[in-house]
Amino acid sequence: MAERTTADETLTRSELASYLTALGDEFEGGGEEINVTVGNKTVDLNPPEQVGVSVDVVERSSMLRGNTETVTIELNWKP
């Protein structure tokens, strides 16, 4: 059974950089367990030394809706 924790937020570029830096620090910390903040919740995870990474960038142009850019970063592993 899969358990999902999701939060959608709007951050400034500086806040986003701080969030991603904190996440990177968790992975770099060297401990077996990392803590990932998702909204107002903290999720404890146990990634191995090797982690799969997928980066997807989508650029859309629309006359009516304007331009939209999306970056999706997915990390996956088997603990």
Protein backbone atom coordinates (compact mmCIF):
# COMPACT_ATOMS: atom_id res chain seq x y z
CA MET A 1 0.00 0.00 0.00
CA ALA A 2 1.36 3.41 -0.96
CA GLU A 3 1.17 6.37 1.38
CA ARG A 4 1.35 9.81 -0.24
CA THR A 5 1.99 13.18 1.41
CA THR A 6 1.44 16.18 -0.86
CA ALA A 7 1.54 19.95 -0.40
CA ASP A 8 1.16 22.67 -3.03
CA GLU A 9 2.70 26.02 -2.12
CA THR A 10 3.80 29.24 -3.76
CA LEU A 11 7.30 30.28 -2.72
CA THR A 12 9.61 33.12 -3.67
CA ARG A 13 12.70 32.11 -5.60
CA SER A 14 14.75 32.66 -2.45
CA GLU A 15 12.42 30.47 -0.35
CA LEU A 16 12.54 27.75 -3.01
CA ALA A 17 16.35 27.88 -3.04
CA SER A 18 16.39 27.52 0.76
CA TYR A 19 13.99 24.55 0.61
CA LEU A 20 16.05 22.76 -2.07
CA THR A 21 19.29 23.49 -0.18
CA ALA A 22 17.82 22.04 3.01
CA LEU A 23 16.69 18.94 1.09
CA GLY A 24 20.17 18.59 -0.42
CA ASP A 25 21.73 18.96 3.02
CA GLU A 26 19.57 16.08 4.27
CA PHE A 27 20.84 13.81 1.49
CA GLU A 28 24.44 14.93 1.97
CA GLY A 29 24.32 14.55 5.76
CA GLY A 30 25.44 10.94 5.58
CA GLY A 31 22.89 9.54 8.02
CA GLU A 32 20.68 6.59 7.14
CA GLU A 33 17.47 8.59 7.65
CA ILE A 34 16.55 11.90 6.04
CA ASN A 35 13.74 14.26 7.03
CA VAL A 36 11.69 15.81 4.22
CA THR A 37 9.36 18.71 5.01
CA VAL A 38 6.10 18.53 3.04
CA GLY A 39 3.85 21.45 3.92
CA ASN A 40 3.41 21.36 7.71
CA LYS A 41 4.49 17.71 8.02
CA THR A 42 7.90 16.04 8.19
CA VAL A 43 8.35 12.66 6.52
CA ASP A 44 11.24 10.37 7.53
CA LEU A 45 12.79 8.42 4.63
CA ASN A 46 15.67 5.96 4.27
CA PRO A 47 17.39 6.41 0.89
CA PRO A 48 20.33 4.17 -0.05
CA GLU A 49 23.64 5.53 -1.31
CA GLN A 50 22.44 5.42 -4.96
CA VAL A 51 19.24 7.39 -5.78
CA GLY A 52 17.46 7.54 -9.14
CA VAL A 53 16.91 11.07 -10.48
CA SER A 54 14.62 12.23 -13.29
CA VAL A 55 14.32 15.87 -14.41
CA ASP A 56 11.54 16.93 -16.79
CA VAL A 57 11.17 20.45 -18.21
CA VAL A 58 8.05 21.50 -20.16
CA GLU A 59 7.71 24.85 -21.94
CA ARG A 60 4.25 25.69 -23.30
CA SER A 61 3.16 28.66 -25.38
CA SER A 62 -0.48 29.65 -25.71
CA MET A 63 -1.95 32.74 -27.34
CA LEU A 64 -4.85 32.77 -24.86
CA ARG A 65 -3.24 31.56 -21.64
CA GLY A 66 0.28 32.90 -22.04
CA ASN A 67 3.51 30.99 -21.56
CA THR A 68 3.92 28.31 -18.90
CA GLU A 69 7.10 26.60 -17.76
CA THR A 70 7.22 23.53 -15.51
CA VAL A 71 10.17 21.72 -13.93
CA THR A 72 9.54 18.33 -12.32
CA ILE A 73 12.27 16.64 -10.29
CA GLU A 74 11.62 13.05 -9.24
CA LEU A 75 13.83 11.08 -6.86
CA ASN A 76 13.24 7.35 -6.40
CA TRP A 77 14.80 4.38 -4.66
CA LYS A 78 14.13 1.14 -2.88
CA PRO A 79 15.04 1.45 0.83
